[in-house]
Amino acid sequence: MAVREDIFNEGALRIEKVCSGTELALVLSGKSIIREANETLLPVFVEGLREADEAGFRLVLDFRPVTYMNSSSFAPVIKVLQKARLSTVQVSVIFSSEQKWQEVSFAAMTVFKTPDGRITITGLTNEQNNN
């Protein structure tokens, strides 16, 4: 059974923490138009990374429900991936491959993928989203 909790709700962006099995997922939805995203989003992502590490879980950053992200909203994602590369935490970034802007934006983050699958960046279609 999944445990769900809203952990961030500012403007048009909402982040829900979902714990199930061996995953801690941060599911973002809405629009991220935050100007100082490093000050607001980075602490949320870093706390998720810390919690996942302590529990021995994989951290999943799920961007599929996001309809828009401004450029400053990507900086905290990159920073948390950099932190993850220096740790042993498993991290998955999931985005919608059917939203062109997500496909383009997140494809650039594949440089953070690790050969052992500890860090993954994955685009899913709507059909895959429902499975």
Protein backbone atom coordinates (compact mmCIF):
# COMPACT_ATOMS: atom_id res chain seq x y z
CA MET A 1 0.00 0.00 0.00
CA ALA A 2 1.36 3.40 -1.01
CA VAL A 3 1.63 6.20 1.53
CA ARG A 4 0.96 9.60 -0.06
CA GLU A 5 1.70 13.03 1.35
CA ASP A 6 1.67 16.53 -0.15
CA ILE A 7 5.04 18.07 0.66
CA PHE A 8 5.07 21.16 -1.56
CA ASN A 9 2.33 23.36 -2.94
CA GLU A 10 3.37 26.75 -4.21
CA GLY A 11 1.67 28.66 -6.97
CA ALA A 12 0.79 26.25 -9.75
CA LEU A 13 3.24 23.50 -8.68
CA ARG A 14 2.46 20.62 -6.37
CA ILE A 15 4.80 17.86 -5.19
CA GLU A 16 3.45 14.71 -3.63
CA LYS A 17 5.66 12.19 -1.83
CA VAL A 18 4.61 8.60 -2.46
CA CYS A 19 6.29 5.74 -0.60
CA SER A 20 5.64 2.20 -1.77
CA GLY A 21 7.70 -0.96 -1.74
CA THR A 22 11.31 0.12 -2.08
CA GLU A 23 10.65 3.46 -3.78
CA LEU A 24 10.23 6.99 -2.55
CA ALA A 25 8.66 8.99 -5.38
CA LEU A 26 8.34 12.74 -5.65
CA VAL A 27 5.54 13.31 -8.14
CA LEU A 28 5.42 16.84 -9.53
CA SER A 29 2.26 18.20 -11.15
CA GLY A 30 1.08 21.47 -12.60
CA LYS A 31 3.41 24.25 -13.74
CA SER A 32 6.78 25.20 -12.32
CA ILE A 33 7.24 28.91 -12.87
CA ILE A 34 9.35 29.46 -9.76
CA ARG A 35 12.08 32.04 -10.32
CA GLU A 36 14.33 31.02 -7.43
CA ALA A 37 13.92 27.28 -7.91
CA ASN A 38 17.26 26.43 -6.28
CA GLU A 39 16.02 28.01 -3.06
CA THR A 40 12.60 26.36 -3.11
CA LEU A 41 12.84 23.07 -5.03
CA LEU A 42 16.40 21.98 -4.31
CA PRO A 43 15.75 21.50 -0.56
CA VAL A 44 12.73 19.31 -1.39
CA PHE A 45 14.78 17.15 -3.77
CA VAL A 46 17.76 16.93 -1.41
CA GLU A 47 15.48 15.89 1.47
CA GLY A 48 13.97 13.21 -0.78
CA LEU A 49 17.47 12.00 -1.64
CA ARG A 50 18.38 11.87 2.05
CA GLU A 51 15.19 9.99 3.00
CA ALA A 52 15.66 7.49 0.18
CA ASP A 53 19.26 6.94 1.20
CA GLU A 54 18.36 6.35 4.86
CA ALA A 55 15.58 3.91 3.94
CA GLY A 56 17.64 2.11 1.27
CA PHE A 57 15.01 3.10 -1.31
CA ARG A 58 15.24 4.29 -4.90
CA LEU A 59 14.30 7.97 -5.30
CA VAL A 60 11.94 8.52 -8.23
CA LEU A 61 11.45 12.04 -9.57
CA ASP A 62 8.28 11.81 -11.65
CA PHE A 63 7.70 14.78 -13.96
CA ARG A 64 5.04 13.19 -16.20
CA PRO A 65 2.12 15.28 -14.83
CA VAL A 66 4.03 18.57 -15.23
CA THR A 67 2.64 20.75 -18.00
CA TYR A 68 5.38 23.41 -17.97
CA MET A 69 8.76 24.10 -16.36
CA ASN A 70 10.69 27.32 -16.76
CA SER A 71 14.44 27.09 -17.28
CA SER A 72 15.31 27.86 -13.64
CA SER A 73 13.25 24.84 -12.53
CA PHE A 74 15.71 22.46 -14.19
CA ALA A 75 18.73 23.64 -12.16
CA PRO A 76 17.66 21.85 -8.93
CA VAL A 77 17.04 18.64 -10.88
CA ILE A 78 20.56 18.80 -12.28
CA LYS A 79 22.02 19.56 -8.86
CA VAL A 80 20.29 16.62 -7.19
CA LEU A 81 21.49 14.32 -9.98
CA GLN A 82 25.03 15.61 -9.41
CA LYS A 83 24.68 14.83 -5.69
CA ALA A 84 23.29 11.38 -6.49
CA ARG A 85 26.26 10.57 -8.73
CA LEU A 86 28.56 11.22 -5.75
CA SER A 87 26.53 8.95 -3.48
CA THR A 88 25.20 5.39 -3.61
CA VAL A 89 21.52 6.34 -3.82
CA GLN A 90 19.54 4.97 -6.75
CA VAL A 91 17.62 7.68 -8.62
CA SER A 92 15.14 7.50 -11.49
CA VAL A 93 13.91 10.54 -13.39
CA ILE A 94 10.70 9.82 -15.29
CA PHE A 95 9.21 12.17 -17.87
CA SER A 96 6.50 12.06 -20.53
CA SER A 97 8.00 11.25 -23.91
CA GLU A 98 4.74 12.41 -25.50
CA GLN A 99 5.21 16.00 -24.35
CA LYS A 100 7.75 17.39 -26.81
CA TRP A 101 9.15 19.98 -24.38
CA GLN A 102 9.76 17.25 -21.78
CA GLU A 103 11.39 14.95 -24.33
CA VAL A 104 13.80 17.70 -25.40
CA SER A 105 14.54 19.00 -21.91
CA PHE A 106 15.04 15.69 -20.14
CA ALA A 107 16.94 14.07 -23.01
CA ALA A 108 19.76 16.48 -22.18
CA MET A 109 19.95 14.96 -18.69
CA THR A 110 20.88 11.50 -19.96
CA VAL A 111 24.52 12.44 -19.29
CA PHE A 112 23.76 11.64 -15.63
CA LYS A 113 22.75 8.03 -16.36
CA THR A 114 25.09 5.45 -14.90
CA PRO A 115 26.09 2.26 -16.72
CA ASP A 116 24.98 0.15 -13.74
CA GLY A 117 21.43 1.59 -13.81
CA ARG A 118 21.80 3.31 -10.44
CA ILE A 119 20.72 6.58 -12.08
CA THR A 120 18.19 6.38 -14.89
CA ILE A 121 16.42 8.99 -17.05
CA THR A 122 13.35 7.49 -18.73
CA GLY A 123 10.67 8.83 -21.03
CA LEU A 124 7.34 7.00 -20.99
CA THR A 125 4.32 7.21 -23.29
CA ASN A 126 0.77 7.63 -21.98
CA GLU A 127 0.19 3.93 -22.49
CA GLN A 128 3.25 3.13 -20.38
CA ASN A 129 2.14 5.73 -17.82
CA ASN A 130 -1.03 3.75 -17.20
CA ASN A 131 0.80 0.47 -16.56
